[in-house]
Structures are given as C-alpha cells and as structure tokens.
Amino acid sequence: MRMRVIFSAVLALVTTTSAHAAAFDVYRAACLDTGIDMANVRAAAASQKWSALTEAERDTLAPGNGARVEGWAIAKDGGRYLVSISANTAGGGAGDRAGSSVVSCSVLTPKADEAVAVKAYGAYLKRQPGSTEKVDGIATYTWSTQDASSLTLHYVVAGGTLPGLSLSVSTIRK
C-alpha cells in the first residue's frame, strides 16, 4: 500500500512538471521552431491539424476585435493552447526599422508555472531575461536579440486575469 502511495505521488509530480513544461514546448513548436514565419505557422497548423478557435477564444485573444484574429487551438494535456499570428508594418516610432515587416506569434496557455516557462525560455535563448517587470500582480519577462537584418523581442507574461501564461515573440525584419 505504501509503495502505491509513493508511486502515485511521484506520478502526480511528473505529470504536473510535464504539464508546466508543455506550455513552453507548445509555444516553441508553434512560434519559434517555425521561424516566426506566418506561412510556416499556417503549414504547421494544417499538418498537425490544430483546431479552429471558438468565438470566445478569439475574444479572449483580442477583446472586441476577435473577428480579426488569425489563430488556432492546440489540445494538449487536457488544455487548449491558443495560438495567434499577425503581421504589420513598423511605423515611424521604429526608427531606422520604420517600414519593416513585423511578424508576431503568441500562445496563451492554460494553467502553467511561470518560473518553469521562464527557465525554459532562458535555456532556449541561452540567457536570462533582459528585463523583468512586476506591476499590479502582472509579471513581464523580456528578452531581445538582434542581428543585421532583424530585431526579435521575446515575452512571457503571467498573472493578472490570465488563466495561464502569455508567451509571445515579435520580429522586425528589414
């Protein structure tokens, strides 16, 4: 009997840890492994048969403007991870990058552990967040990378009214 209790506790710990790690894994596969490229994200959605977003999920991603959201839901570990993508042109506030292409990809997760996701993101980027801001119960972790042709901003947002985490990346390409 005691062995069964210990096994159950270990199984619960492993399941909980993997569910928290899944948040970054889903995000990485949807946004980062696709090169933050809208065509690649769309291809992944089609090939992996991600679900269409419900109207309620669209409104969650863009309150009052849900009809303009392009995205999908990924069912994993009993939750729905909401993926959204968008593209725009950088405005004058972007300085020498004004007129550049801006592509963003985000995943809104169900319950997830903020510390685990931040650690996984840091390991992926091989660095700690460049900034961490905590205001009114909302934590925002930010990383940035830059090369000659692009500036990429990475974010993890937790707390507030979010059910889980918001993981997102935006890249500005000349």
N, C-alpha and C. Protein backbone atom coordinates (compact mmCIF):
# COMPACT_ATOMS: atom_id res chain seq x y z
N MET A 1 0.83 -1.19 0.00
CA MET A 1 0.00 0.00 0.00
C MET A 1 0.87 1.25 0.00
N ARG A 2 1.90 1.26 0.85
CA ARG A 2 2.77 2.42 0.94
C ARG A 2 3.46 2.68 -0.41
N MET A 3 3.87 1.61 -1.09
CA MET A 3 4.51 1.75 -2.39
C MET A 3 3.56 2.40 -3.40
N ARG A 4 2.29 2.04 -3.33
CA ARG A 4 1.30 2.61 -4.25
C ARG A 4 1.14 4.11 -3.99
N VAL A 5 1.14 4.53 -2.73
CA VAL A 5 1.02 5.94 -2.39
C VAL A 5 2.24 6.71 -2.90
N ILE A 6 3.43 6.15 -2.71
CA ILE A 6 4.65 6.81 -3.18
C ILE A 6 4.63 6.90 -4.70
N PHE A 7 4.25 5.81 -5.37
CA PHE A 7 4.18 5.82 -6.83
C PHE A 7 3.19 6.87 -7.32
N SER A 8 2.04 6.97 -6.67
CA SER A 8 1.03 7.96 -7.05
C SER A 8 1.56 9.37 -6.87
N ALA A 9 2.29 9.61 -5.80
CA ALA A 9 2.85 10.94 -5.55
C ALA A 9 3.89 11.29 -6.61
N VAL A 10 4.74 10.33 -6.95
CA VAL A 10 5.76 10.57 -7.98
C VAL A 10 5.09 10.80 -9.33
N LEU A 11 4.09 10.00 -9.66
CA LEU A 11 3.37 10.17 -10.92
C LEU A 11 2.71 11.54 -10.98
N ALA A 12 2.11 11.99 -9.90
CA ALA A 12 1.48 13.31 -9.87
C ALA A 12 2.52 14.41 -10.07
N LEU A 13 3.69 14.26 -9.45
CA LEU A 13 4.75 15.25 -9.61
C LEU A 13 5.25 15.29 -11.05
N VAL A 14 5.48 14.14 -11.65
CA VAL A 14 5.94 14.08 -13.04
C VAL A 14 4.89 14.65 -13.97
N THR A 15 3.63 14.31 -13.76
CA THR A 15 2.55 14.82 -14.60
C THR A 15 2.44 16.33 -14.48
N THR A 16 2.53 16.86 -13.26
CA THR A 16 2.45 18.30 -13.05
C THR A 16 3.63 19.00 -13.71
N THR A 17 4.83 18.47 -13.54
CA THR A 17 6.01 19.07 -14.14
C THR A 17 5.90 19.06 -15.65
N SER A 18 5.46 17.94 -16.23
CA SER A 18 5.37 17.88 -17.69
C SER A 18 4.29 18.81 -18.21
N ALA A 19 3.20 18.98 -17.46
CA ALA A 19 2.15 19.91 -17.89
C ALA A 19 2.69 21.33 -17.91
N HIS A 20 3.49 21.69 -16.90
CA HIS A 20 4.06 23.03 -16.87
C HIS A 20 5.10 23.21 -17.96
N ALA A 21 5.89 22.18 -18.22
CA ALA A 21 6.89 22.26 -19.29
C ALA A 21 6.21 22.30 -20.65
N ALA A 22 5.03 21.72 -20.75
CA ALA A 22 4.31 21.69 -22.02
C ALA A 22 4.01 23.09 -22.52
N ALA A 23 3.79 24.04 -21.64
CA ALA A 23 3.47 25.40 -22.07
C ALA A 23 4.57 25.95 -22.98
N PHE A 24 5.81 25.86 -22.56
CA PHE A 24 6.89 26.36 -23.41
C PHE A 24 7.08 25.47 -24.63
N ASP A 25 6.93 24.17 -24.46
CA ASP A 25 7.10 23.24 -25.59
C ASP A 25 6.10 23.52 -26.70
N VAL A 26 4.84 23.75 -26.34
CA VAL A 26 3.81 24.06 -27.34
C VAL A 26 4.16 25.38 -28.03
N TYR A 27 4.52 26.37 -27.24
CA TYR A 27 4.89 27.69 -27.78
C TYR A 27 6.10 27.58 -28.71
N ARG A 28 7.12 26.88 -28.26
CA ARG A 28 8.34 26.73 -29.08
C ARG A 28 8.00 26.10 -30.42
N ALA A 29 7.21 25.03 -30.40
CA ALA A 29 6.85 24.34 -31.64
C ALA A 29 6.01 25.23 -32.56
N ALA A 30 5.09 25.98 -31.99
CA ALA A 30 4.19 26.81 -32.80
C ALA A 30 4.87 28.07 -33.33
N CYS A 31 5.66 28.71 -32.51
CA CYS A 31 6.19 30.03 -32.87
C CYS A 31 7.68 30.05 -33.20
N LEU A 32 8.48 29.48 -32.34
CA LEU A 32 9.93 29.59 -32.52
C LEU A 32 10.47 28.61 -33.56
N ASP A 33 10.04 27.36 -33.48
CA ASP A 33 10.54 26.36 -34.43
C ASP A 33 10.05 26.62 -35.86
N THR A 34 9.04 27.45 -36.01
CA THR A 34 8.54 27.82 -37.34
C THR A 34 9.24 29.07 -37.88
N GLY A 35 10.22 29.55 -37.15
CA GLY A 35 10.98 30.71 -37.61
C GLY A 35 10.22 32.02 -37.55
N ILE A 36 9.17 32.06 -36.74
CA ILE A 36 8.32 33.25 -36.63
C ILE A 36 7.89 33.69 -38.03
N ASP A 37 7.53 32.71 -38.83
CA ASP A 37 7.13 32.93 -40.21
C ASP A 37 5.67 32.50 -40.36
N MET A 38 4.83 33.42 -40.81
CA MET A 38 3.40 33.14 -40.86
C MET A 38 3.07 31.94 -41.74
N ALA A 39 3.73 31.80 -42.87
CA ALA A 39 3.46 30.66 -43.76
C ALA A 39 3.83 29.35 -43.07
N ASN A 40 4.93 29.36 -42.34
CA ASN A 40 5.35 28.14 -41.63
C ASN A 40 4.39 27.80 -40.48
N VAL A 41 3.89 28.82 -39.78
CA VAL A 41 2.92 28.57 -38.70
C VAL A 41 1.64 28.00 -39.30
N ARG A 42 1.19 28.59 -40.40
CA ARG A 42 -0.02 28.08 -41.06
C ARG A 42 0.18 26.64 -41.53
N ALA A 43 1.35 26.35 -42.07
CA ALA A 43 1.64 24.98 -42.52
C ALA A 43 1.65 24.01 -41.34
N ALA A 44 2.23 24.43 -40.23
CA ALA A 44 2.23 23.58 -39.03
C ALA A 44 0.81 23.34 -38.55
N ALA A 45 -0.01 24.38 -38.56
CA ALA A 45 -1.40 24.26 -38.13
C ALA A 45 -2.15 23.25 -39.01
N ALA A 46 -1.91 23.32 -40.30
CA ALA A 46 -2.59 22.41 -41.23
C ALA A 46 -2.08 20.98 -41.07
N SER A 47 -0.76 20.82 -41.03
CA SER A 47 -0.20 19.46 -40.97
C SER A 47 -0.46 18.78 -39.63
N GLN A 48 -0.52 19.57 -38.56
CA GLN A 48 -0.74 18.99 -37.23
C GLN A 48 -2.20 19.04 -36.82
N LYS A 49 -3.04 19.54 -37.72
CA LYS A 49 -4.49 19.57 -37.51
C LYS A 49 -4.90 20.30 -36.23
N TRP A 50 -4.34 21.51 -36.05
CA TRP A 50 -4.76 22.32 -34.93
C TRP A 50 -6.21 22.71 -35.15
N SER A 51 -6.95 22.90 -34.08
CA SER A 51 -8.38 23.22 -34.16
C SER A 51 -8.59 24.70 -34.45
N ALA A 52 -9.75 24.99 -35.03
CA ALA A 52 -10.15 26.38 -35.21
C ALA A 52 -10.46 26.98 -33.84
N LEU A 53 -10.23 28.27 -33.70
CA LEU A 53 -10.57 28.96 -32.46
C LEU A 53 -12.09 29.14 -32.38
N THR A 54 -12.62 29.08 -31.18
CA THR A 54 -14.03 29.40 -30.99
C THR A 54 -14.15 30.93 -30.94
N GLU A 55 -15.36 31.43 -31.08
CA GLU A 55 -15.57 32.88 -30.98
C GLU A 55 -15.13 33.40 -29.61
N ALA A 56 -15.41 32.64 -28.56
CA ALA A 56 -15.00 33.04 -27.21
C ALA A 56 -13.48 33.12 -27.10
N GLU A 57 -12.78 32.17 -27.72
CA GLU A 57 -11.32 32.18 -27.69
C GLU A 57 -10.77 33.37 -28.48
N ARG A 58 -11.41 33.68 -29.61
CA ARG A 58 -10.99 34.85 -30.39
C ARG A 58 -11.15 36.12 -29.55
N ASP A 59 -12.26 36.22 -28.84
CA ASP A 59 -12.48 37.39 -27.99
C ASP A 59 -11.51 37.43 -26.82
N THR A 60 -11.08 36.28 -26.34
CA THR A 60 -10.08 36.23 -25.27
C THR A 60 -8.76 36.81 -25.79
N LEU A 61 -8.41 36.47 -27.02
CA LEU A 61 -7.15 36.94 -27.60
C LEU A 61 -7.20 38.41 -28.00
N ALA A 62 -8.36 38.87 -28.45
CA ALA A 62 -8.50 40.26 -28.89
C ALA A 62 -9.89 40.75 -28.51
N PRO A 63 -10.07 41.13 -27.25
CA PRO A 63 -11.40 41.57 -26.79
C PRO A 63 -11.99 42.65 -27.69
N GLY A 64 -13.20 42.38 -28.16
CA GLY A 64 -13.89 43.34 -29.02
C GLY A 64 -13.44 43.33 -30.46
N ASN A 65 -12.41 42.55 -30.77
CA ASN A 65 -11.88 42.52 -32.13
C ASN A 65 -11.55 41.10 -32.55
N GLY A 66 -12.26 40.14 -31.99
CA GLY A 66 -11.96 38.73 -32.22
C GLY A 66 -12.03 38.29 -33.67
N ALA A 67 -12.86 38.94 -34.46
CA ALA A 67 -13.01 38.55 -35.87
C ALA A 67 -11.71 38.74 -36.65
N ARG A 68 -10.83 39.58 -36.16
CA ARG A 68 -9.58 39.86 -36.89
C ARG A 68 -8.42 38.95 -36.47
N VAL A 69 -8.68 38.02 -35.55
CA VAL A 69 -7.63 37.15 -35.04
C VAL A 69 -7.42 35.96 -35.98
N GLU A 70 -6.18 35.74 -36.36
CA GLU A 70 -5.83 34.53 -37.09
C GLU A 70 -5.16 33.60 -36.09
N GLY A 71 -5.75 32.44 -35.90
CA GLY A 71 -5.16 31.55 -34.92
C GLY A 71 -5.83 30.19 -34.86
N TRP A 72 -5.32 29.39 -33.94
CA TRP A 72 -5.74 28.01 -33.79
C TRP A 72 -5.64 27.63 -32.32
N ALA A 73 -6.21 26.49 -32.00
CA ALA A 73 -6.08 25.93 -30.65
C ALA A 73 -5.38 24.58 -30.76
N ILE A 74 -4.47 24.35 -29.84
CA ILE A 74 -3.76 23.08 -29.77
C ILE A 74 -4.21 22.39 -28.49
N ALA A 75 -4.83 21.23 -28.63
CA ALA A 75 -5.27 20.47 -27.45
C ALA A 75 -4.09 19.62 -26.97
N LYS A 76 -3.74 19.79 -25.70
CA LYS A 76 -2.63 19.03 -25.14
C LYS A 76 -2.80 18.97 -23.62
N ASP A 77 -2.56 17.81 -23.07
CA ASP A 77 -2.60 17.62 -21.61
C ASP A 77 -3.89 18.13 -20.98
N GLY A 78 -4.99 17.96 -21.68
CA GLY A 78 -6.29 18.35 -21.13
C GLY A 78 -6.59 19.83 -21.23
N GLY A 79 -5.75 20.61 -21.89
CA GLY A 79 -5.99 22.04 -22.03
C GLY A 79 -5.94 22.46 -23.48
N ARG A 80 -6.37 23.69 -23.74
CA ARG A 80 -6.31 24.26 -25.09
C ARG A 80 -5.33 25.43 -25.07
N TYR A 81 -4.31 25.33 -25.89
CA TYR A 81 -3.31 26.38 -26.04
C TYR A 81 -3.73 27.21 -27.25
N LEU A 82 -3.91 28.50 -27.06
CA LEU A 82 -4.41 29.37 -28.13
C LEU A 82 -3.25 30.04 -28.84
N VAL A 83 -3.11 29.75 -30.12
CA VAL A 83 -2.02 30.28 -30.94
C VAL A 83 -2.58 31.39 -31.82
N SER A 84 -1.89 32.52 -31.87
CA SER A 84 -2.30 33.58 -32.79
C SER A 84 -1.08 34.16 -33.49
N ILE A 85 -1.31 34.61 -34.73
CA ILE A 85 -0.24 35.22 -35.50
C ILE A 85 -0.76 36.51 -36.12
N SER A 86 0.16 37.42 -36.39
CA SER A 86 -0.21 38.67 -37.05
C SER A 86 1.01 39.24 -37.76
N ALA A 87 0.74 40.09 -38.74
CA ALA A 87 1.81 40.77 -39.46
C ALA A 87 1.38 42.22 -39.69
N ASN A 88 2.33 43.11 -39.56
CA ASN A 88 2.11 44.54 -39.77
C ASN A 88 3.37 45.15 -40.35
N THR A 89 3.32 46.44 -40.52
CA THR A 89 4.49 47.20 -40.95
C THR A 89 4.87 48.14 -39.81
N ALA A 90 6.16 48.19 -39.50
CA ALA A 90 6.63 49.05 -38.41
C ALA A 90 6.41 50.51 -38.77
N GLY A 91 5.91 51.26 -37.80
CA GLY A 91 5.66 52.67 -38.00
C GLY A 91 6.89 53.53 -37.74
N GLY A 92 6.70 54.82 -37.76
CA GLY A 92 7.79 55.78 -37.58
C GLY A 92 8.50 55.67 -36.26
N GLY A 93 7.82 55.17 -35.23
CA GLY A 93 8.45 55.01 -33.92
C GLY A 93 9.52 53.93 -33.90
N ALA A 94 9.64 53.17 -34.97
CA ALA A 94 10.63 52.10 -35.04
C ALA A 94 11.98 52.61 -35.54
N GLY A 95 12.10 53.92 -35.71
CA GLY A 95 13.38 54.50 -36.13
C GLY A 95 13.82 53.99 -37.48
N ASP A 96 15.07 53.51 -37.56
CA ASP A 96 15.60 53.05 -38.85
C ASP A 96 14.93 51.77 -39.34
N ARG A 97 14.09 51.19 -38.51
CA ARG A 97 13.35 49.99 -38.93
C ARG A 97 11.93 50.34 -39.40
N ALA A 98 11.59 51.62 -39.46
CA ALA A 98 10.27 52.04 -39.95
C ALA A 98 10.07 51.47 -41.35
N GLY A 99 8.88 50.96 -41.59
CA GLY A 99 8.56 50.36 -42.88
C GLY A 99 8.93 48.88 -42.96
N SER A 100 9.60 48.38 -41.93
CA SER A 100 9.99 46.97 -41.91
C SER A 100 8.80 46.08 -41.60
N SER A 101 8.92 44.82 -41.94
CA SER A 101 7.90 43.82 -41.65
C SER A 101 7.96 43.43 -40.18
N VAL A 102 6.80 43.41 -39.52
CA VAL A 102 6.71 42.97 -38.13
C VAL A 102 5.80 41.74 -38.10
N VAL A 103 6.33 40.63 -37.62
CA VAL A 103 5.55 39.40 -37.51
C VAL A 103 5.54 39.00 -36.04
N SER A 104 4.36 38.66 -35.54
CA SER A 104 4.22 38.24 -34.15
C SER A 104 3.52 36.89 -34.07
N CYS A 105 3.92 36.11 -33.09
CA CYS A 105 3.29 34.82 -32.82
C CYS A 105 3.17 34.70 -31.31
N SER A 106 1.99 34.31 -30.85
CA SER A 106 1.74 34.21 -29.42
C SER A 106 1.00 32.93 -29.09
N VAL A 107 1.20 32.47 -27.87
CA VAL A 107 0.44 31.34 -27.34
C VAL A 107 -0.06 31.72 -25.96
N LEU A 108 -1.37 31.61 -25.77
CA LEU A 108 -1.98 31.79 -24.47
C LEU A 108 -2.21 30.40 -23.92
N THR A 109 -1.63 30.13 -22.76
CA THR A 109 -1.66 28.78 -22.22
C THR A 109 -2.74 28.63 -21.15
N PRO A 110 -3.18 27.39 -20.94
CA PRO A 110 -3.98 27.14 -19.74
C PRO A 110 -3.03 27.22 -18.55
N LYS A 111 -3.43 26.78 -17.40
CA LYS A 111 -2.58 26.87 -16.21
C LYS A 111 -1.16 26.43 -16.52
N ALA A 112 -0.20 27.22 -16.07
CA ALA A 112 1.21 26.90 -16.29
C ALA A 112 2.04 27.57 -15.22
N ASP A 113 3.20 27.03 -14.97
CA ASP A 113 4.11 27.56 -13.97
C ASP A 113 5.02 28.61 -14.60
N GLU A 114 4.89 29.82 -14.14
CA GLU A 114 5.66 30.94 -14.66
C GLU A 114 7.17 30.68 -14.57
N ALA A 115 7.64 30.22 -13.42
CA ALA A 115 9.08 30.01 -13.22
C ALA A 115 9.62 28.94 -14.18
N VAL A 116 8.86 27.88 -14.39
CA VAL A 116 9.29 26.82 -15.30
C VAL A 116 9.37 27.35 -16.73
N ALA A 117 8.38 28.12 -17.15
CA ALA A 117 8.37 28.67 -18.51
C ALA A 117 9.52 29.66 -18.71
N VAL A 118 9.76 30.51 -17.74
CA VAL A 118 10.85 31.49 -17.85
C VAL A 118 12.19 30.76 -17.91
N LYS A 119 12.35 29.74 -17.10
CA LYS A 119 13.59 28.96 -17.11
C LYS A 119 13.78 28.26 -18.47
N ALA A 120 12.71 27.68 -19.00
CA ALA A 120 12.79 27.01 -20.31
C ALA A 120 13.11 28.01 -21.42
N TYR A 121 12.49 29.18 -21.37
CA TYR A 121 12.75 30.20 -22.39
C TYR A 121 14.20 30.67 -22.29
N GLY A 122 14.66 30.91 -21.07
CA GLY A 122 16.05 31.32 -20.87
C GLY A 122 17.03 30.28 -21.39
N ALA A 123 16.72 29.01 -21.16
CA ALA A 123 17.58 27.93 -21.66
C ALA A 123 17.56 27.91 -23.19
N TYR A 124 16.40 28.11 -23.77
CA TYR A 124 16.28 28.13 -25.23
C TYR A 124 17.12 29.26 -25.83
N LEU A 125 17.03 30.45 -25.23
CA LEU A 125 17.77 31.61 -25.74
C LEU A 125 19.20 31.68 -25.22
N LYS A 126 19.52 30.80 -24.28
CA LYS A 126 20.84 30.74 -23.66
C LYS A 126 21.20 32.04 -22.94
N ARG A 127 20.20 32.61 -22.27
CA ARG A 127 20.41 33.82 -21.47
C ARG A 127 19.20 34.07 -20.58
N GLN A 128 19.42 34.83 -19.55
CA GLN A 128 18.34 35.23 -18.66
C GLN A 128 17.58 36.39 -19.31
N PRO A 129 16.36 36.67 -18.84
CA PRO A 129 15.62 37.81 -19.40
C PRO A 129 16.43 39.10 -19.26
N GLY A 130 16.33 39.95 -20.27
CA GLY A 130 16.99 41.25 -20.21
C GLY A 130 16.32 42.18 -19.23
N SER A 131 15.01 41.97 -19.03
CA SER A 131 14.29 42.76 -18.04
C SER A 131 13.13 41.95 -17.48
N THR A 132 12.81 42.25 -16.25
CA THR A 132 11.66 41.66 -15.57
C THR A 132 10.93 42.78 -14.88
N GLU A 133 9.65 42.89 -15.17
CA GLU A 133 8.85 43.96 -14.57
C GLU A 133 7.64 43.32 -13.89
N LYS A 134 7.41 43.70 -12.65
CA LYS A 134 6.25 43.19 -11.92
C LYS A 134 5.45 44.37 -11.40
N VAL A 135 4.23 44.50 -11.94
CA VAL A 135 3.36 45.61 -11.59
C VAL A 135 1.93 45.09 -11.43
N ASP A 136 1.30 45.44 -10.34
CA ASP A 136 -0.11 45.09 -10.10
C ASP A 136 -0.40 43.61 -10.31
N GLY A 137 0.50 42.76 -9.86
CA GLY A 137 0.27 41.32 -9.96
C GLY A 137 0.56 40.72 -11.32
N ILE A 138 1.09 41.52 -12.24
CA ILE A 138 1.43 41.02 -13.57
C ILE A 138 2.94 41.07 -13.73
N ALA A 139 3.52 39.94 -14.11
CA ALA A 139 4.96 39.86 -14.34
C ALA A 139 5.22 39.77 -15.84
N THR A 140 6.16 40.57 -16.32
CA THR A 140 6.56 40.53 -17.73
C THR A 140 8.06 40.31 -17.80
N TYR A 141 8.45 39.25 -18.48
CA TYR A 141 9.86 38.91 -18.69
C TYR A 141 10.15 39.18 -20.17
N THR A 142 11.24 39.88 -20.44
CA THR A 142 11.55 40.28 -21.81
C THR A 142 12.99 39.92 -22.17
N TRP A 143 13.15 39.38 -23.36
CA TRP A 143 14.47 39.13 -23.94
C TRP A 143 14.47 39.82 -25.30
N SER A 144 15.63 40.24 -25.76
CA SER A 144 15.72 40.75 -27.13
C SER A 144 17.00 40.22 -27.77
N THR A 145 16.89 39.95 -29.05
CA THR A 145 18.04 39.53 -29.84
C THR A 145 18.05 40.37 -31.10
N GLN A 146 19.24 40.60 -31.62
CA GLN A 146 19.34 41.47 -32.79
C GLN A 146 20.49 41.01 -33.67
N ASP A 147 20.27 41.12 -34.97
CA ASP A 147 21.36 40.93 -35.92
C ASP A 147 21.20 42.01 -36.99
N ALA A 148 21.97 41.93 -38.04
CA ALA A 148 21.96 42.99 -39.06
C ALA A 148 20.59 43.18 -39.71
N SER A 149 19.81 42.12 -39.81
CA SER A 149 18.54 42.24 -40.53
C SER A 149 17.30 42.18 -39.66
N SER A 150 17.43 41.87 -38.37
CA SER A 150 16.21 41.77 -37.57
C SER A 150 16.45 42.08 -36.09
N LEU A 151 15.36 42.49 -35.47
CA LEU A 151 15.29 42.68 -34.03
C LEU A 151 14.15 41.79 -33.57
N THR A 152 14.42 40.92 -32.61
CA THR A 152 13.40 40.00 -32.14
C THR A 152 13.19 40.21 -30.65
N LEU A 153 11.94 40.37 -30.27
CA LEU A 153 11.56 40.58 -28.87
C LEU A 153 10.75 39.39 -28.40
N HIS A 154 11.14 38.83 -27.26
CA HIS A 154 10.50 37.65 -26.69
C HIS A 154 9.89 38.05 -25.35
N TYR A 155 8.67 37.55 -25.07
CA TYR A 155 7.98 37.91 -23.84
C TYR A 155 7.33 36.70 -23.18
N VAL A 156 7.34 36.71 -21.86
CA VAL A 156 6.48 35.84 -21.05
C VAL A 156 5.73 36.77 -20.11
N VAL A 157 4.41 36.67 -20.12
CA VAL A 157 3.58 37.49 -19.24
C VAL A 157 2.75 36.55 -18.38
N ALA A 158 2.72 36.83 -17.08
CA ALA A 158 1.98 35.98 -16.14
C ALA A 158 1.26 36.85 -15.12
N GLY A 159 0.19 36.30 -14.58
CA GLY A 159 -0.51 36.99 -13.50
C GLY A 159 -1.73 37.74 -14.00
N GLY A 160 -2.22 38.62 -13.17
CA GLY A 160 -3.42 39.37 -13.52
C GLY A 160 -4.59 38.44 -13.75
N THR A 161 -5.33 38.66 -14.81
CA THR A 161 -6.50 37.84 -15.11
C THR A 161 -6.18 36.68 -16.05
N LEU A 162 -4.91 36.51 -16.40
CA LEU A 162 -4.54 35.41 -17.29
C LEU A 162 -4.77 34.07 -16.61
N PRO A 163 -5.38 33.12 -17.32
CA PRO A 163 -5.58 31.80 -16.73
C PRO A 163 -4.27 31.02 -16.62
N GLY A 164 -3.33 31.33 -17.48
CA GLY A 164 -2.03 30.67 -17.50
C GLY A 164 -0.96 31.69 -17.83
N LEU A 165 -0.31 31.50 -18.95
CA LEU A 165 0.75 32.41 -19.38
C LEU A 165 0.49 32.90 -20.80
N SER A 166 1.07 34.03 -21.12
CA SER A 166 1.12 34.50 -22.50
C SER A 166 2.58 34.49 -22.90
N LEU A 167 2.90 33.69 -23.89
CA LEU A 167 4.26 33.63 -24.42
C LEU A 167 4.20 34.19 -25.83
N SER A 168 5.07 35.14 -26.15
CA SER A 168 4.99 35.73 -27.47
C SER A 168 6.36 36.16 -27.97
N VAL A 169 6.42 36.29 -29.28
CA VAL A 169 7.63 36.73 -29.95
C VAL A 169 7.22 37.63 -31.11
N SER A 170 7.96 38.71 -31.27
CA SER A 170 7.76 39.61 -32.40
C SER A 170 9.11 39.87 -33.04
N THR A 171 9.13 39.83 -34.34
CA THR A 171 10.37 40.11 -35.04
C THR A 171 10.15 41.23 -36.05
N ILE A 172 11.10 42.13 -36.09
CA ILE A 172 11.07 43.24 -37.05
C ILE A 172 12.19 42.96 -38.04
N ARG A 173 11.81 42.71 -39.28
CA ARG A 173 12.80 42.36 -40.31
C ARG A 173 12.87 43.46 -41.35
N LYS A 174 14.09 43.89 -41.63
CA LYS A 174 14.29 44.93 -42.66
C LYS A 174 13.98 44.40 -44.03
